[in-house]
Amino acid sequence: MAKCGGAFADQVAGWTIEREGRTEMQGRTSFRSSSIQSTLASAALGLWVLASAPIVHAQPAVDPDAQSVLTAMSNYLGGLQSFSVDFSAVDEVVTPEGQKLQFLFSGEIAIQRPNKLYAIRTGAAGAAEVILNDKGLVLYGKNANAYLQLDASSIDEAVDAARNLGFDAPGADLLAAHPLDNPTTDMTSGAHIGMTFIDGVEVNQLAFRGTDVDWQLWVTAGDKPLPLRYVVTTKGLPGAPQYTLQLRNWNTAPPIDAARFTFVPPAGAKKLDPASVTVNATGDIAVKGK
């Protein structure tokens, strides 16, 4: 998620109009190294540095503890036939003047593998829905009452289709069949930082380095390892913008209404040609020539 990721979690906030002279902002690189050239679109964290805090040394490779937790999470999450989860995201962009701006989004995701997905995302630009079923993928902007329809027959194909359109969706990697633990993940080294807590839940804190991005992942301890937070830092852009995703209220056996995965265009909804749109730094769609 996708920026599901969003998961598709933060792919489509609304629909904007492209105008000459608007300020351009730099977003961050997609989480997967294979999608760098064709990128798709929480609570405040306090940090106290203590004199007795452990020193984290650079790791030449992924240490066994980090790999073990990552693999367990990937196998468990990827093996779930259905789940639902709430999310909030903070997406940083950097202006040409070097100022960092943060854009906030929130919503929910529901999945039934292999080819059903529903996500809703709300932010400053409005609300949007992502629907995948056996007829393909739909990206619907509620405020503009307009939608895109793309070919996809699985969740992985839906992530790729949205990325090829221009969306940058680090969160969408969590929706894949092998979340974050596959050959396309940008990972050259990694370490298990230690144990900590998120909202009273004990979690493993993992830190990884990649060619284009650094990323951290917080995974619940125990036999049902689920991601609760992850942060992606794009190293190649000025200011090193970050994408932060918080996940909560996981339900691994949700009673999902099949109607959620059905898209019926509302009255007056406009179907857009994918070739007629572009995507800005925060994942919002801009209609060309308007």
Protein backbone atom coordinates (compact mmCIF):
# COMPACT_ATOMS: atom_id res chain seq x y z
CA MET A 1 0.00 0.00 0.00
CA ALA A 2 0.34 0.78 -1.86
CA LYS A 3 1.25 4.90 -1.52
CA CYS A 4 -2.28 1.16 -0.80
CA GLY A 5 -0.81 1.61 -0.53
CA GLY A 6 -1.57 2.63 0.61
CA ALA A 7 -1.59 0.54 1.11
CA PHE A 8 -3.44 1.81 -1.72
CA ALA A 9 -3.64 3.45 1.65
CA ASP A 10 -2.81 6.83 0.22
CA GLN A 11 -3.19 6.55 -3.52
CA VAL A 12 -6.07 8.85 -4.36
CA ALA A 13 -7.24 11.69 -2.16
CA GLY A 14 -9.28 13.56 -4.73
CA TRP A 15 -9.13 15.20 -8.09
CA THR A 16 -7.44 18.50 -8.84
CA ILE A 17 -7.05 20.65 -11.93
CA GLU A 18 -3.61 21.21 -13.45
CA ARG A 19 -2.81 24.91 -13.84
CA GLU A 20 0.23 26.71 -15.18
CA GLY A 21 2.52 28.17 -12.57
CA ARG A 22 1.54 25.93 -9.67
CA THR A 23 4.22 25.11 -7.14
CA GLU A 24 5.90 21.78 -7.83
CA MET A 25 6.90 19.66 -4.86
CA GLN A 26 9.12 16.64 -4.68
CA GLY A 27 7.68 13.42 -3.32
CA ARG A 28 9.54 10.33 -2.25
CA THR A 29 10.68 7.29 -4.11
CA SER A 30 8.54 4.19 -4.19
CA PHE A 31 9.37 1.53 -1.65
CA ARG A 32 10.18 -1.13 -4.22
CA SER A 33 13.37 -0.65 -6.17
CA SER A 34 11.76 -2.19 -9.27
CA SER A 35 9.22 0.63 -9.45
CA ILE A 36 11.58 3.58 -8.99
CA GLN A 37 11.29 4.74 -12.60
CA SER A 38 7.50 4.24 -12.78
CA THR A 39 6.33 5.09 -9.29
CA LEU A 40 2.71 4.74 -8.36
CA ALA A 41 0.82 7.44 -5.69
CA SER A 42 -0.24 9.29 13.26
CA ALA A 43 0.38 9.95 16.33
CA ALA A 44 3.36 12.23 16.97
CA LEU A 45 6.46 10.29 17.91
CA GLY A 46 8.59 11.62 20.76
CA LEU A 47 12.23 10.56 20.89
CA TRP A 48 14.26 10.71 24.07
CA VAL A 49 17.99 10.05 23.69
CA LEU A 50 19.31 8.57 26.91
CA ALA A 51 22.91 8.25 27.91
CA SER A 52 22.40 4.52 28.42
CA ALA A 53 20.56 3.95 25.12
CA PRO A 54 22.04 1.18 22.94
CA ILE A 55 24.17 2.26 20.01
CA VAL A 56 23.01 0.89 16.65
CA HIS A 57 25.96 0.01 14.43
CA ALA A 58 25.78 -0.22 10.67
CA GLN A 59 25.02 -3.73 9.47
CA PRO A 60 26.74 -5.13 6.39
CA ALA A 61 23.79 -7.45 5.73
CA VAL A 62 20.38 -8.35 7.11
CA ASP A 63 20.94 -9.93 10.51
CA PRO A 64 19.16 -13.24 11.25
CA ASP A 65 16.83 -11.78 13.90
CA ALA A 66 15.57 -9.06 11.57
CA GLN A 67 15.14 -11.50 8.70
CA SER A 68 13.29 -13.96 10.94
CA VAL A 69 10.73 -11.37 12.07
CA LEU A 70 10.31 -9.98 8.55
CA THR A 71 9.79 -13.45 7.04
CA ALA A 72 7.31 -14.45 9.75
CA MET A 73 5.31 -11.25 9.18
CA SER A 74 5.38 -11.70 5.41
CA ASN A 75 4.24 -15.33 5.60
CA TYR A 76 1.48 -14.61 8.10
CA LEU A 77 0.09 -11.48 6.45
CA GLY A 78 0.48 -12.87 2.93
CA GLY A 79 -1.25 -16.08 3.99
CA LEU A 80 -4.39 -14.39 5.32
CA GLN A 81 -7.34 -15.01 3.03
CA SER A 82 -9.08 -11.89 4.27
CA PHE A 83 -8.45 -8.99 6.62
CA SER A 84 -9.47 -5.44 7.39
CA VAL A 85 -7.43 -2.67 8.98
CA ASP A 86 -7.64 1.06 9.69
CA PHE A 87 -4.76 3.32 8.72
CA SER A 88 -3.41 6.81 9.01
CA ALA A 89 -0.55 8.17 6.93
CA VAL A 90 1.78 11.15 6.91
CA ASP A 91 3.24 11.98 3.50
CA GLU A 92 6.12 14.46 3.36
CA VAL A 93 7.04 16.56 0.35
CA VAL A 94 9.82 19.09 0.01
CA THR A 95 9.30 22.39 -1.82
CA PRO A 96 11.97 23.81 -4.16
CA GLU A 97 12.84 26.21 -1.30
CA GLY A 98 13.63 23.24 0.96
CA GLN A 99 10.56 23.51 3.18
CA LYS A 100 9.06 20.21 4.34
CA LEU A 101 5.28 19.89 4.23
CA GLN A 102 3.30 17.01 5.70
CA PHE A 103 0.00 15.80 4.26
CA LEU A 104 -2.27 13.66 6.45
CA PHE A 105 -4.57 10.88 5.32
CA SER A 106 -6.66 8.20 6.99
CA GLY A 107 -9.03 5.43 6.03
CA GLU A 108 -9.59 1.70 6.01
CA ILE A 109 -8.76 -1.33 3.88
CA ALA A 110 -10.57 -4.64 3.39
CA ILE A 111 -9.19 -7.57 1.40
CA GLN A 112 -10.35 -10.99 0.22
CA ARG A 113 -7.63 -12.80 -1.68
CA PRO A 114 -6.86 -13.23 -4.46
CA ASN A 115 -8.76 -10.48 -6.28
CA LYS A 116 -10.98 -8.40 -4.01
CA LEU A 117 -9.91 -5.12 -2.42
CA TYR A 118 -11.71 -2.13 -0.97
CA ALA A 119 -9.99 0.95 0.41
CA ILE A 120 -11.21 4.40 1.30
CA ARG A 121 -8.85 7.28 1.89
CA THR A 122 -9.72 10.73 3.23
CA GLY A 123 -7.47 13.76 3.25
CA ALA A 124 -7.42 17.49 2.63
CA ALA A 125 -8.25 17.02 -1.07
CA GLY A 126 -11.33 14.95 -0.28
CA ALA A 127 -12.27 11.29 -0.18
CA ALA A 128 -11.57 8.52 -2.65
CA GLU A 129 -12.21 4.81 -2.99
CA VAL A 130 -10.22 1.96 -4.51
CA ILE A 131 -12.19 -1.12 -5.56
CA LEU A 132 -10.82 -4.32 -7.08
CA ASN A 133 -13.00 -7.21 -8.20
CA ASP A 134 -13.20 -9.70 -11.07
CA LYS A 135 -14.00 -6.84 -13.46
CA GLY A 136 -10.81 -4.91 -12.74
CA LEU A 137 -9.59 -1.98 -10.66
CA VAL A 138 -11.50 1.26 -10.10
CA LEU A 139 -10.10 4.48 -8.58
CA TYR A 140 -13.00 6.78 -7.68
CA GLY A 141 -12.73 10.40 -6.53
CA LYS A 142 -15.87 11.22 -4.55
CA ASN A 143 -15.61 15.00 -4.58
CA ALA A 144 -15.13 15.16 -8.34
CA ASN A 145 -17.53 12.24 -8.97
CA ALA A 146 -15.05 10.84 -11.48
CA TYR A 147 -13.30 7.50 -11.79
CA LEU A 148 -10.60 5.56 -13.58
CA GLN A 149 -10.89 1.91 -14.59
CA LEU A 150 -7.75 -0.20 -15.02
CA ASP A 151 -7.09 -3.82 -15.96
CA ALA A 152 -6.11 -6.04 -13.02
CA SER A 153 -7.07 -9.57 -12.03
CA SER A 154 -5.24 -9.83 -8.69
CA ILE A 155 -4.15 -7.59 -5.84
CA ASP A 156 -0.52 -7.68 -7.00
CA GLU A 157 -1.60 -6.70 -10.53
CA ALA A 158 -3.72 -3.89 -9.11
CA VAL A 159 -0.69 -2.48 -7.27
CA ASP A 160 1.39 -2.63 -10.45
CA ALA A 161 -1.37 -1.06 -12.57
CA ALA A 162 -1.75 1.88 -10.20
CA ARG A 163 2.01 2.38 -10.00
CA ASN A 164 2.32 2.33 -13.77
CA LEU A 165 -0.23 5.12 -13.87
CA GLY A 166 2.06 7.19 -11.68
CA PHE A 167 0.97 6.55 -8.09
CA ASP A 168 3.70 6.17 -5.49
CA ALA A 169 2.34 3.74 -2.90
CA PRO A 170 4.80 2.36 -0.34
CA GLY A 171 1.89 1.03 1.76
CA ALA A 172 0.72 -1.12 -1.12
CA ASP A 173 3.70 -3.44 -0.56
CA LEU A 174 1.93 -4.69 2.57
CA LEU A 175 -0.94 -5.98 0.41
CA ALA A 176 1.25 -8.13 -1.82
CA ALA A 177 1.32 -11.92 -1.77
CA HIS A 178 4.77 -11.72 -0.10
CA PRO A 179 4.70 -8.42 1.80
CA LEU A 180 8.11 -6.71 2.01
CA ASP A 181 10.05 -9.95 1.82
CA ASN A 182 10.66 -10.62 -1.84
CA PRO A 183 13.40 -10.03 -4.42
CA THR A 184 11.95 -6.65 -5.50
CA THR A 185 12.23 -5.11 -2.02
CA ASP A 186 14.96 -2.48 -1.77
CA MET A 187 17.02 -4.00 1.05
CA THR A 188 20.81 -4.20 1.32
CA SER A 189 21.16 -4.46 5.12
CA GLY A 190 18.99 -4.66 8.18
CA ALA A 191 18.97 -4.93 11.95
CA HIS A 192 16.65 -5.88 14.78
CA ILE A 193 16.78 -2.72 16.89
CA GLY A 194 14.94 -4.20 19.87
CA MET A 195 11.53 -4.49 21.50
CA THR A 196 9.23 -1.56 22.21
CA PHE A 197 5.50 -0.80 22.50
CA ILE A 198 2.89 0.83 20.28
CA ASP A 199 -0.43 1.62 21.98
CA GLY A 200 0.42 -0.89 24.70
CA VAL A 201 1.25 -3.69 22.24
CA GLU A 202 4.75 -5.18 22.26
CA VAL A 203 6.47 -4.92 18.89
CA ASN A 204 9.77 -5.74 17.20
CA GLN A 205 11.50 -2.67 15.77
CA LEU A 206 13.35 -3.42 12.54
CA ALA A 207 15.54 -1.04 10.52
CA PHE A 208 16.66 -1.65 6.94
CA ARG A 209 18.79 0.16 4.40
CA GLY A 210 18.33 0.01 0.65
CA THR A 211 19.88 1.52 -2.44
CA ASP A 212 17.26 4.25 -2.78
CA VAL A 213 15.42 4.20 0.53
CA ASP A 214 15.90 3.46 4.22
CA TRP A 215 12.92 1.98 6.02
CA GLN A 216 11.76 0.91 9.45
CA LEU A 217 9.08 -1.58 10.40
CA TRP A 218 7.37 -2.30 13.73
CA VAL A 219 5.88 -5.83 13.92
CA THR A 220 3.82 -7.31 16.75
CA ALA A 221 5.46 -9.99 18.88
CA GLY A 222 3.96 -13.48 19.10
CA ASP A 223 2.53 -16.02 16.67
CA LYS A 224 0.43 -13.51 14.72
CA PRO A 225 3.04 -10.99 13.53
CA LEU A 226 1.38 -7.95 11.98
CA PRO A 227 2.85 -4.56 11.00
CA LEU A 228 1.67 -1.64 13.14
CA ARG A 229 3.93 1.08 11.76
CA TYR A 230 6.47 1.63 9.05
CA VAL A 231 8.47 4.58 7.83
CA VAL A 232 10.12 4.97 4.43
CA THR A 233 12.84 7.61 3.93
CA THR A 234 13.86 8.55 0.38
CA LYS A 235 17.57 9.24 0.43
CA GLY A 236 17.99 10.53 -3.11
CA LEU A 237 15.74 13.59 -2.81
CA PRO A 238 16.71 16.85 -1.09
CA GLY A 239 15.51 16.90 2.49
CA ALA A 240 15.04 13.10 2.56
CA PRO A 241 11.21 13.14 2.72
CA GLN A 242 9.51 10.40 4.71
CA TYR A 243 6.31 8.43 4.37
CA THR A 244 4.84 7.15 7.65
CA LEU A 245 2.04 4.60 7.90
CA GLN A 246 0.21 3.59 11.10
CA LEU A 247 -1.99 0.47 11.07
CA ARG A 248 -4.50 -0.35 13.79
CA ASN A 249 -7.63 -2.38 14.49
CA TRP A 250 -6.48 -5.41 12.54
CA ASN A 251 -9.22 -8.00 11.97
CA THR A 252 -7.97 -11.23 10.40
CA ALA A 253 -11.44 -12.78 10.02
CA PRO A 254 -13.72 -9.86 9.20
CA PRO A 255 -17.39 -10.22 8.20
CA ILE A 256 -17.03 -8.38 4.89
CA ASP A 257 -20.12 -7.59 2.84
CA ALA A 258 -19.55 -8.68 -0.77
CA ALA A 259 -21.19 -5.44 -1.91
CA ARG A 260 -18.12 -3.55 -0.70
CA PHE A 261 -16.17 -4.94 -3.62
CA THR A 262 -18.74 -3.80 -6.19
CA PHE A 263 -18.52 -0.42 -7.89
CA VAL A 264 -21.67 1.12 -9.32
CA PRO A 265 -20.94 4.56 -10.80
CA PRO A 266 -23.06 7.20 -9.03
CA ALA A 267 -25.40 9.33 -11.10
CA GLY A 268 -23.41 11.74 -13.24
CA ALA A 269 -20.05 10.09 -12.53
CA LYS A 270 -17.49 10.73 -15.27
CA LYS A 271 -15.24 7.93 -16.49
CA LEU A 272 -11.76 9.29 -17.21
CA ASP A 273 -9.24 8.11 -19.76
CA PRO A 274 -6.05 7.10 -17.88
CA ALA A 275 -4.05 8.96 -20.56
CA SER A 276 -5.82 12.20 -19.60
CA VAL A 277 -4.54 12.38 -16.03
CA THR A 278 -1.31 12.95 -14.15
CA VAL A 279 -0.45 12.36 -10.51
CA ASN A 280 1.11 14.94 -8.21
CA ALA A 281 3.63 14.47 -5.38
CA THR A 282 1.01 13.54 -2.79
CA GLY A 283 -0.93 11.09 -4.92
CA ASP A 284 -3.78 13.36 -6.07
CA ILE A 285 -4.99 13.14 -9.64
CA ALA A 286 -4.78 16.16 -11.93
CA VAL A 287 -6.88 16.24 -15.10
CA LYS A 288 -4.90 17.55 -18.05
CA GLY A 289 -6.06 20.51 -20.07
CA LYS A 290 -8.72 21.73 -17.64
